[in-house]
Amino acid sequence: MEKMKKLPDAEFDIMEVVWANEPPITANIVMKQHGNNEGWKVQTAITLLLRLVERGFLRTEKIGKERTYYPLVNREDYLKFETGNFLNQFHNNSFLNLVTTMYNNDALTDEDINGLRKLLNSRGE
């Protein structure tokens, strides 16, 4: 795959279904687990799946009449990519800026702060 690119929300939602299930995935699985809730037609799910194939996130095989899809990118790698982009774009690549923003907006719970404290303490060991 070339350089990874940010996914539009609908394609990310499809990938969440793909990552949550054992491959292979079908358009019917996507519809049952997400598309029906969104009011999609089956063709919408198929179009989004094929876009993900074009982007290098999925590979596809046709077995009989049914097209199946397999992930080429795992969830952890994509989230690492997205988090890095977010940190770079909005926080000048500074984790401290991110945490400060969240702290100043009361977005961090006491549990979050204790978890950060434990993480930082373990890093220093």
Protein backbone atom coordinates (compact mmCIF):
# COMPACT_ATOMS: atom_id res chain seq x y z
CA MET A 1 0.00 0.00 0.00
CA GLU A 2 1.15 3.53 -0.73
CA LYS A 3 1.06 6.14 1.99
CA MET A 4 -1.99 5.67 4.21
CA LYS A 5 -4.69 8.34 3.87
CA LYS A 6 -7.45 9.53 6.17
CA LEU A 7 -10.75 7.77 5.62
CA PRO A 8 -14.06 9.61 5.27
CA ASP A 9 -16.42 8.85 8.18
CA ALA A 10 -18.61 6.38 6.23
CA GLU A 11 -15.59 4.37 5.08
CA PHE A 12 -14.16 4.37 8.61
CA ASP A 13 -17.52 3.04 9.85
CA ILE A 14 -17.25 0.19 7.32
CA MET A 15 -13.71 -0.57 8.51
CA GLU A 16 -14.96 -0.71 12.10
CA VAL A 17 -17.36 -3.47 10.99
CA VAL A 18 -14.54 -5.23 9.13
CA TRP A 19 -12.22 -5.06 12.15
CA ALA A 20 -14.94 -6.29 14.53
CA ASN A 21 -15.57 -9.47 12.53
CA GLU A 22 -13.62 -12.52 11.47
CA PRO A 23 -12.84 -12.27 7.72
CA PRO A 24 -14.18 -12.63 5.16
CA ILE A 25 -16.71 -9.79 5.30
CA THR A 26 -19.64 -9.38 2.94
CA ALA A 27 -21.87 -6.43 2.07
CA ASN A 28 -24.66 -8.26 3.95
CA ILE A 29 -22.60 -8.25 7.15
CA VAL A 30 -21.94 -4.53 6.74
CA MET A 31 -25.65 -3.91 6.19
CA LYS A 32 -26.71 -5.94 9.24
CA GLN A 33 -24.16 -4.37 11.57
CA HIS A 34 -24.19 -0.78 10.32
CA GLY A 35 -25.87 0.02 7.01
CA ASN A 36 -29.44 -0.74 8.05
CA ASN A 37 -29.10 1.65 11.00
CA GLU A 38 -27.94 4.36 8.58
CA GLY A 39 -30.76 3.69 6.11
CA TRP A 40 -28.30 2.62 3.38
CA LYS A 41 -29.21 0.58 0.34
CA VAL A 42 -27.02 -2.50 -0.24
CA GLN A 43 -25.45 -0.73 -3.24
CA THR A 44 -24.15 2.00 -0.91
CA ALA A 45 -22.32 -0.58 1.20
CA ILE A 46 -20.90 -2.24 -1.94
CA THR A 47 -19.69 1.12 -3.29
CA LEU A 48 -17.98 1.97 0.00
CA LEU A 49 -16.38 -1.47 0.21
CA LEU A 50 -15.02 -1.10 -3.33
CA ARG A 51 -13.63 2.35 -2.48
CA LEU A 52 -11.80 0.75 0.43
CA VAL A 53 -10.36 -1.81 -1.99
CA GLU A 54 -9.17 1.03 -4.26
CA ARG A 55 -7.60 2.83 -1.28
CA GLY A 56 -5.71 -0.33 -0.28
CA PHE A 57 -7.57 -0.96 2.99
CA LEU A 58 -9.30 -4.15 1.78
CA ARG A 59 -8.75 -6.88 -0.75
CA THR A 60 -11.64 -8.65 -2.41
CA GLU A 61 -12.41 -12.07 -3.85
CA LYS A 62 -15.44 -13.31 -5.68
CA ILE A 63 -16.64 -16.71 -4.51
CA GLY A 64 -19.53 -17.84 -6.69
CA LYS A 65 -21.90 -14.90 -6.86
CA GLU A 66 -20.75 -13.40 -3.57
CA ARG A 67 -17.94 -10.87 -3.23
CA THR A 68 -15.96 -11.13 0.01
CA TYR A 69 -13.57 -8.65 1.60
CA TYR A 70 -10.47 -9.03 3.75
CA PRO A 71 -8.66 -6.28 5.72
CA LEU A 72 -5.21 -5.20 4.57
CA VAL A 73 -4.83 -2.57 7.30
CA ASN A 74 -5.35 -3.39 10.97
CA ARG A 75 -7.21 -1.12 13.35
CA GLU A 76 -4.19 -0.33 15.54
CA ASP A 77 -2.10 0.84 12.57
CA TYR A 78 -4.90 3.06 11.30
CA LEU A 79 -5.57 4.59 14.73
CA LYS A 80 -1.86 5.23 15.18
CA PHE A 81 -1.83 7.00 11.80
CA GLU A 82 -4.96 9.06 12.58
CA THR A 83 -3.76 9.99 16.06
CA GLY A 84 -0.41 11.12 14.67
CA ASN A 85 -2.16 13.29 12.06
CA PHE A 86 -4.45 14.79 14.70
CA LEU A 87 -1.57 15.52 17.05
CA ASN A 88 0.41 17.13 14.24
CA GLN A 89 -2.46 19.15 12.76
CA PHE A 90 -4.07 20.46 15.93
CA HIS A 91 -1.39 20.28 18.63
CA ASN A 92 1.87 21.03 16.83
CA ASN A 93 2.93 17.41 17.37
CA SER A 94 2.95 17.93 21.13
CA PHE A 95 1.28 15.43 23.43
CA LEU A 96 1.62 17.99 26.23
CA ASN A 97 -0.41 20.53 24.19
CA LEU A 98 -3.12 17.89 23.67
CA VAL A 99 -3.29 16.98 27.35
CA THR A 100 -3.24 20.65 28.39
CA THR A 101 -6.15 21.39 26.04
CA MET A 102 -8.12 18.48 27.41
CA TYR A 103 -7.28 19.40 31.00
CA ASN A 104 -8.31 23.04 30.49
CA ASN A 105 -11.62 21.92 28.96
CA ASP A 106 -12.37 19.56 31.86
CA ALA A 107 -12.26 16.66 29.41
CA LEU A 108 -10.00 14.57 31.66
CA THR A 109 -11.58 12.62 34.48
CA ASP A 110 -9.78 11.83 37.73
CA GLU A 111 -9.47 8.29 36.40
CA ASP A 112 -7.76 9.62 33.22
CA ILE A 113 -5.34 11.71 35.27
CA ASN A 114 -4.50 8.76 37.56
CA GLY A 115 -3.98 6.57 34.50
CA LEU A 116 -1.64 9.15 32.96
CA ARG A 117 0.24 9.42 36.24
CA LYS A 118 0.73 5.62 36.36
CA LEU A 119 1.80 5.55 32.71
CA LEU A 120 4.36 8.32 33.22
CA ASN A 121 5.66 6.72 36.42
CA SER A 122 6.12 3.35 34.67
CA ARG A 123 7.96 5.06 31.79
CA GLY A 124 10.47 6.54 34.24
CA GLU A 125 11.36 3.14 35.70
